[in-house]
C-alpha atoms as a PDB file:
ATOM      1  CA  MET A   1      69.681  33.430  78.618  1.00  0.00           C
ATOM      2  CA  SER A   2      67.711  35.589  80.718  1.00  0.00           C
ATOM      3  CA  LYS A   3      69.256  38.954  81.772  1.00  0.00           C
ATOM      4  CA  THR A   4      68.132  41.595  84.816  1.00  0.00           C
ATOM      5  CA  LYS A   5      69.731  44.777  86.290  1.00  0.00           C
ATOM      6  CA  VAL A   6      70.942  45.637  89.611  1.00  0.00           C
ATOM      7  CA  THR A   7      69.766  48.636  91.340  1.00  0.00           C
ATOM      8  CA  GLU A   8      72.082  51.002  93.024  1.00  0.00           C
ATOM      9  CA  ASP A   9      70.985  49.266  96.073  1.00  0.00           C
ATOM     10  CA  GLY A  10      72.335  46.595  95.250  1.00  0.00           C
ATOM     11  CA  VAL A  11      69.154  44.755  94.512  1.00  0.00           C
ATOM     12  CA  LEU A  12      68.940  41.774  91.856  1.00  0.00           C
ATOM     13  CA  THR A  13      65.534  40.963  90.203  1.00  0.00           C
ATOM     14  CA  ILE A  14      65.640  37.148  89.428  1.00  0.00           C
ATOM     15  CA  PRO A  15      63.742  36.670  86.064  1.00  0.00           C
ATOM     16  CA  LYS A  16      60.482  34.273  86.457  1.00  0.00           C
ATOM     17  CA  PRO A  17      61.763  31.533  84.314  1.00  0.00           C
ATOM     18  CA  VAL A  18      64.960  31.169  86.203  1.00  0.00           C
ATOM     19  CA  LEU A  19      63.156  30.987  89.613  1.00  0.00           C
ATOM     20  CA  ASP A  20      60.931  28.314  88.283  1.00  0.00           C
ATOM     21  CA  GLN A  21      63.729  26.059  86.978  1.00  0.00           C
ATOM     22  CA  ALA A  22      65.587  26.512  89.989  1.00  0.00           C
ATOM     23  CA  GLY A  23      62.811  25.792  92.458  1.00  0.00           C
ATOM     24  CA  ILE A  24      62.796  29.046  94.187  1.00  0.00           C
ATOM     25  CA  ALA A  25      59.854  30.380  95.460  1.00  0.00           C
ATOM     26  CA  PRO A  26      59.283  33.135  97.940  1.00  0.00           C
ATOM     27  CA  GLY A  27      60.872  32.817 101.054  1.00  0.00           C
ATOM     28  CA  SER A  28      63.464  30.442  99.982  1.00  0.00           C
ATOM     29  CA  GLU A  29      66.994  30.669 101.231  1.00  0.00           C
ATOM     30  CA  VAL A  30      69.653  30.973  98.781  1.00  0.00           C
ATOM     31  CA  ALA A  31      73.349  31.326  98.886  1.00  0.00           C
ATOM     32  CA  PHE A  32      76.161  32.308  96.506  1.00  0.00           C
ATOM     33  CA  ARG A  33      79.131  30.564  95.246  1.00  0.00           C
ATOM     34  CA  TYR A  34      81.935  30.802  92.846  1.00  0.00           C
ATOM     35  CA  ALA A  35      82.366  28.201  90.557  1.00  0.00           C
ATOM     36  CA  ALA A  36      85.723  27.109  88.880  1.00  0.00           C
ATOM     37  CA  ASN A  37      85.315  28.736  85.732  1.00  0.00           C
ATOM     38  CA  GLY A  38      84.951  31.604  88.204  1.00  0.00           C
ATOM     39  CA  SER A  39      81.418  32.670  87.652  1.00  0.00           C
ATOM     40  CA  VAL A  40      78.999  33.107  90.201  1.00  0.00           C
ATOM     41  CA  VAL A  41      75.949  30.474  91.194  1.00  0.00           C
ATOM     42  CA  ILE A  42      72.784  30.750  93.027  1.00  0.00           C
ATOM     43  CA  GLU A  43      71.340  27.460  94.609  1.00  0.00           C
ATOM     44  CA  GLN A  44      68.425  27.517  96.621  1.00  0.00           C
ATOM     45  CA  LEU A  45      69.255  25.955 100.217  1.00  0.00           C
ATOM     46  CA  ARG A  46      67.260  23.008 101.308  1.00  0.00           C
ATOM     47  CA  GLU A  47      66.915  22.061 105.186  1.00  0.00           C
ATOM     48  CA  ALA A  48      67.999  18.360 105.540  1.00  0.00           C
ATOM     49  CA  LYS A  49      64.625  16.388 106.272  1.00  0.00           C
ATOM     50  CA  PRO A  50      64.764  14.080 109.042  1.00  0.00           C
ATOM     51  CA  PRO A  51      64.953  10.573 107.930  1.00  0.00           C
ATOM     52  CA  ASP A  52      61.128   8.726 107.996  1.00  0.00           C
ATOM     53  CA  PRO A  53      61.224   5.968 110.524  1.00  0.00           C
ATOM     54  CA  ASP A  54      58.457   4.140 108.621  1.00  0.00           C
ATOM     55  CA  ARG A  55      60.581   3.931 106.069  1.00  0.00           C
ATOM     56  CA  PHE A  56      62.894   1.186 107.689  1.00  0.00           C
ATOM     57  CA  GLU A  57      59.594  -0.668 109.137  1.00  0.00           C
ATOM     58  CA  LYS A  58      58.523  -1.180 105.865  1.00  0.00           C
ATOM     59  CA  VAL A  59      61.338  -2.945 104.873  1.00  0.00           C
ATOM     60  CA  ARG A  60      62.393  -5.041 108.179  1.00  0.00           C
ATOM     61  CA  GLY A  61      62.226  -9.020 107.768  1.00  0.00           C
ATOM     62  CA  ILE A  62      61.863  -8.684 104.152  1.00  0.00           C
ATOM     63  CA  ALA A  63      65.305 -10.917 103.720  1.00  0.00           C
ATOM     64  CA  GLY A  64      64.321 -13.153 106.655  1.00  0.00           C
ATOM     65  CA  ARG A  65      66.286 -14.538 109.654  1.00  0.00           C
ATOM     66  CA  GLY A  66      69.388 -15.185 108.118  1.00  0.00           C
ATOM     67  CA  PRO A  67      71.992 -17.840 109.687  1.00  0.00           C
ATOM     68  CA  SER A  68      73.381 -16.840 112.895  1.00  0.00           C
ATOM     69  CA  THR A  69      76.921 -15.624 113.819  1.00  0.00           C
ATOM     70  CA  ASP A  70      77.882 -18.914 115.172  1.00  0.00           C
ATOM     71  CA  GLU A  71      76.430 -20.569 111.798  1.00  0.00           C
ATOM     72  CA  ILE A  72      78.714 -17.860 110.104  1.00  0.00           C
ATOM     73  CA  MET A  73      81.754 -18.844 111.855  1.00  0.00           C
ATOM     74  CA  ALA A  74      81.502 -22.301 111.362  1.00  0.00           C
ATOM     75  CA  GLU A  75      80.801 -22.098 107.731  1.00  0.00           C
ATOM     76  CA  LEU A  76      83.804 -19.837 107.321  1.00  0.00           C
ATOM     77  CA  ARG A  77      86.115 -22.057 109.405  1.00  0.00           C
ATOM     78  CA  GLY A  78      84.582 -25.218 107.174  1.00  0.00           C
ATOM     79  CA  ASP A  79      83.134 -26.829 110.311  1.00  0.00           C
END
């Protein structure tokens, strides 16, 4: 457990081991929320990264062409 003091201005210094464990670096944004047990949780806010368009290209065509819709429907009907 790490502990720290809050200044009269309400400033809180988070101990370095806690920052390191949480991955919080200078300039990071954090959020405070209440847990179900009433404790306060500090979380680092991470921006959502846009999907990498190349990640789909890497797997496109890997499964092969497959049956057409007409072939699937014929098989389901028992034709």
